[in-house]
Amino acid sequence: MFRITQTAESGSTVLIIEGELAGPAIEAIGELICKLGKEAGCTGPVIVDLVEVTSIDAGGKALLKELHSRGFTFRAKGCLNRAIVEGITCCESSLSGSQGRQVEQSAQGQDWGKGGAK
C-alpha cells in the first residue's frame, strides 16, 4: 500500500511517497510519479521524498534508477533507504557522467543536509 502527495517547497515540486515501494504496485507508482513529475518539471526541480517509505524491493530500486536517469532527485531518511539512494545516485552518476543531481538526507529531525553525486 502506498500514498503519493504532491507539494511545493522553495521552487521545487516534492512528491512524497508513503508506504512500500515494492510489489505489484511498482508499475502504477512509476507511472504516477512520471506523470506528476512531467507536469511539474516545467516549473522547477522535482524531488521524490522517500522519508516515509517503509521498504524498497528490487522493483523499487529499478524504479528509483529510472527516475534518477530522468533527472529526479531524492530525499531519504534512515540507514537503509539512504544507502539505497546513495548507491543509485553515486554509481549511476559516475557511469553516465551525470552532474548536479543531489540526494537530500535527514540526519536528525528536520535538519536537511545535502550530499550525493557530484
C-alpha atoms as a PDB file:
ATOM      1  CA  MET A   1       0.000   0.000   0.000  1.00  0.00           C
ATOM      2  CA  PHE A   2       1.262   3.485  -0.781  1.00  0.00           C
ATOM      3  CA  ARG A   3       0.265   7.118  -0.959  1.00  0.00           C
ATOM      4  CA  ILE A   4       1.757   9.922  -3.039  1.00  0.00           C
ATOM      5  CA  THR A   5       1.286  13.568  -2.081  1.00  0.00           C
ATOM      6  CA  GLN A   6       2.431  16.489  -4.209  1.00  0.00           C
ATOM      7  CA  THR A   7       3.613  19.699  -2.515  1.00  0.00           C
ATOM      8  CA  ALA A   8       5.705  22.740  -3.377  1.00  0.00           C
ATOM      9  CA  GLU A   9       8.852  23.691  -1.493  1.00  0.00           C
ATOM     10  CA  SER A  10      11.271  26.536  -2.302  1.00  0.00           C
ATOM     11  CA  GLY A  11      10.632  26.480  -6.041  1.00  0.00           C
ATOM     12  CA  SER A  12      10.686  22.683  -6.247  1.00  0.00           C
ATOM     13  CA  THR A  13       7.877  20.187  -6.569  1.00  0.00           C
ATOM     14  CA  VAL A  14       8.052  17.473  -3.905  1.00  0.00           C
ATOM     15  CA  LEU A  15       6.391  14.103  -4.425  1.00  0.00           C
ATOM     16  CA  ILE A  16       6.074  12.446  -1.016  1.00  0.00           C
ATOM     17  CA  ILE A  17       5.776   8.665  -1.096  1.00  0.00           C
ATOM     18  CA  GLU A  18       4.446   6.890   1.970  1.00  0.00           C
ATOM     19  CA  GLY A  19       4.351   3.129   2.446  1.00  0.00           C
ATOM     20  CA  GLU A  20       6.050   0.416   0.437  1.00  0.00           C
ATOM     21  CA  LEU A  21       7.984   0.946  -2.755  1.00  0.00           C
ATOM     22  CA  ALA A  22       7.593  -2.726  -3.505  1.00  0.00           C
ATOM     23  CA  GLY A  23       5.452  -5.406  -5.051  1.00  0.00           C
ATOM     24  CA  PRO A  24       2.996  -5.336  -7.916  1.00  0.00           C
ATOM     25  CA  ALA A  25       2.165  -1.633  -7.414  1.00  0.00           C
ATOM     26  CA  ILE A  26       5.610  -0.517  -8.655  1.00  0.00           C
ATOM     27  CA  GLU A  27       4.428  -0.009 -12.226  1.00  0.00           C
ATOM     28  CA  ALA A  28       1.492   2.153 -11.103  1.00  0.00           C
ATOM     29  CA  ILE A  29       3.734   4.129  -8.732  1.00  0.00           C
ATOM     30  CA  GLY A  30       6.247   4.746 -11.517  1.00  0.00           C
ATOM     31  CA  GLU A  31       3.598   5.880 -13.986  1.00  0.00           C
ATOM     32  CA  LEU A  32       2.050   8.250 -11.446  1.00  0.00           C
ATOM     33  CA  ILE A  33       5.401   9.739 -10.406  1.00  0.00           C
ATOM     34  CA  CYS A  34       6.443  10.254 -14.028  1.00  0.00           C
ATOM     35  CA  LYS A  35       3.109  11.871 -14.870  1.00  0.00           C
ATOM     36  CA  LEU A  36       3.252  14.214 -11.880  1.00  0.00           C
ATOM     37  CA  GLY A  37       6.928  14.944 -12.471  1.00  0.00           C
ATOM     38  CA  LYS A  38       6.371  15.740 -16.131  1.00  0.00           C
ATOM     39  CA  GLU A  39       3.556  18.156 -15.247  1.00  0.00           C
ATOM     40  CA  ALA A  40       5.644  19.795 -12.504  1.00  0.00           C
ATOM     41  CA  GLY A  41       9.024  19.627 -14.258  1.00  0.00           C
ATOM     42  CA  CYS A  42       8.317  22.713 -16.331  1.00  0.00           C
ATOM     43  CA  THR A  43       8.290  24.916 -13.239  1.00  0.00           C
ATOM     44  CA  GLY A  44      11.406  23.621 -11.470  1.00  0.00           C
ATOM     45  CA  PRO A  45      13.164  20.591  -9.996  1.00  0.00           C
ATOM     46  CA  VAL A  46      11.221  17.569  -8.781  1.00  0.00           C
ATOM     47  CA  ILE A  47      12.206  15.866  -5.514  1.00  0.00           C
ATOM     48  CA  VAL A  48      10.944  12.381  -4.659  1.00  0.00           C
ATOM     49  CA  ASP A  49      10.635  12.253  -0.865  1.00  0.00           C
ATOM     50  CA  LEU A  50      11.253   8.727   0.446  1.00  0.00           C
ATOM     51  CA  VAL A  51      11.321   9.642   4.146  1.00  0.00           C
ATOM     52  CA  GLU A  52       8.108   7.719   4.895  1.00  0.00           C
ATOM     53  CA  VAL A  53       8.901   4.714   2.674  1.00  0.00           C
ATOM     54  CA  THR A  54       8.916   1.570   4.797  1.00  0.00           C
ATOM     55  CA  SER A  55      10.503  -0.859   2.314  1.00  0.00           C
ATOM     56  CA  ILE A  56      12.085  -0.928  -1.131  1.00  0.00           C
ATOM     57  CA  ASP A  57      12.365  -4.156  -3.121  1.00  0.00           C
ATOM     58  CA  ALA A  58      14.266  -4.881  -6.359  1.00  0.00           C
ATOM     59  CA  GLY A  59      11.446  -3.389  -8.445  1.00  0.00           C
ATOM     60  CA  GLY A  60      11.520  -0.264  -6.277  1.00  0.00           C
ATOM     61  CA  LYS A  61      15.271   0.053  -6.774  1.00  0.00           C
ATOM     62  CA  ALA A  62      14.812  -0.278 -10.541  1.00  0.00           C
ATOM     63  CA  LEU A  63      12.158   2.442 -10.426  1.00  0.00           C
ATOM     64  CA  LEU A  64      14.467   4.763  -8.484  1.00  0.00           C
ATOM     65  CA  LYS A  65      17.240   4.156 -11.040  1.00  0.00           C
ATOM     66  CA  GLU A  66      14.835   5.060 -13.848  1.00  0.00           C
ATOM     67  CA  LEU A  67      13.649   8.198 -12.041  1.00  0.00           C
ATOM     68  CA  HIS A  68      17.244   9.248 -11.366  1.00  0.00           C
ATOM     69  CA  SER A  69      18.104   8.840 -15.046  1.00  0.00           C
ATOM     70  CA  ARG A  70      15.174  11.161 -15.852  1.00  0.00           C
ATOM     71  CA  GLY A  71      16.561  13.880 -13.569  1.00  0.00           C
ATOM     72  CA  PHE A  72      14.544  13.352 -10.394  1.00  0.00           C
ATOM     73  CA  THR A  73      16.317  13.938  -7.079  1.00  0.00           C
ATOM     74  CA  PHE A  74      15.602  12.120  -3.833  1.00  0.00           C
ATOM     75  CA  ARG A  75      15.162  12.812  -0.150  1.00  0.00           C
ATOM     76  CA  ALA A  76      15.778   9.833   2.133  1.00  0.00           C
ATOM     77  CA  LYS A  77      15.980   9.098   5.844  1.00  0.00           C
ATOM     78  CA  GLY A  78      17.231   6.079   7.718  1.00  0.00           C
ATOM     79  CA  CYS A  79      20.314   3.992   7.071  1.00  0.00           C
ATOM     80  CA  LEU A  80      18.791   1.537   4.597  1.00  0.00           C
ATOM     81  CA  ASN A  81      16.858   3.998   2.428  1.00  0.00           C
ATOM     82  CA  ARG A  82      19.778   6.442   2.355  1.00  0.00           C
ATOM     83  CA  ALA A  83      22.170   3.643   1.388  1.00  0.00           C
ATOM     84  CA  ILE A  84      19.859   2.518  -1.431  1.00  0.00           C
ATOM     85  CA  VAL A  85      19.508   6.059  -2.773  1.00  0.00           C
ATOM     86  CA  GLU A  86      23.217   6.805  -2.454  1.00  0.00           C
ATOM     87  CA  GLY A  87      24.047   3.564  -4.261  1.00  0.00           C
ATOM     88  CA  ILE A  88      21.777   4.536  -7.134  1.00  0.00           C
ATOM     89  CA  THR A  89      22.834   8.165  -7.408  1.00  0.00           C
ATOM     90  CA  CYS A  90      26.572   7.659  -6.867  1.00  0.00           C
ATOM     91  CA  CYS A  91      27.045   4.631  -9.110  1.00  0.00           C
ATOM     92  CA  GLU A  92      24.685   5.680 -11.859  1.00  0.00           C
ATOM     93  CA  SER A  93      26.020   9.248 -11.922  1.00  0.00           C
ATOM     94  CA  SER A  94      29.597   8.094 -12.299  1.00  0.00           C
ATOM     95  CA  LEU A  95      28.650   5.660 -15.049  1.00  0.00           C
ATOM     96  CA  SER A  96      26.501   8.055 -17.046  1.00  0.00           C
ATOM     97  CA  GLY A  97      28.507  11.215 -16.400  1.00  0.00           C
ATOM     98  CA  SER A  98      25.515  12.956 -14.820  1.00  0.00           C
ATOM     99  CA  GLN A  99      26.299  16.020 -12.791  1.00  0.00           C
ATOM    100  CA  GLY A 100      24.402  18.215 -10.391  1.00  0.00           C
ATOM    101  CA  ARG A 101      21.955  15.632  -9.142  1.00  0.00           C
ATOM    102  CA  GLN A 102      21.729  15.590  -5.387  1.00  0.00           C
ATOM    103  CA  VAL A 103      20.354  13.487  -2.600  1.00  0.00           C
ATOM    104  CA  GLU A 104      18.834  15.235   0.366  1.00  0.00           C
ATOM    105  CA  GLN A 105      19.231  13.369   3.625  1.00  0.00           C
ATOM    106  CA  SER A 106      17.648  13.798   7.002  1.00  0.00           C
ATOM    107  CA  ALA A 107      20.286  13.229   9.639  1.00  0.00           C
ATOM    108  CA  GLN A 108      18.180  14.227  12.633  1.00  0.00           C
ATOM    109  CA  GLY A 109      14.710  15.663  12.932  1.00  0.00           C
ATOM    110  CA  GLN A 110      14.087  18.210  10.230  1.00  0.00           C
ATOM    111  CA  ASP A 111      17.673  19.343   9.616  1.00  0.00           C
ATOM    112  CA  TRP A 112      18.338  18.624   5.959  1.00  0.00           C
ATOM    113  CA  GLY A 113      21.832  18.257   4.606  1.00  0.00           C
ATOM    114  CA  LYS A 114      22.816  17.759   1.009  1.00  0.00           C
ATOM    115  CA  GLY A 115      25.124  15.145  -0.381  1.00  0.00           C
ATOM    116  CA  GLY A 116      25.230  12.619  -3.162  1.00  0.00           C
ATOM    117  CA  ALA A 117      26.604  12.628  -6.671  1.00  0.00           C
ATOM    118  CA  LYS A 118      28.875  15.425  -7.742  1.00  0.00           C
END
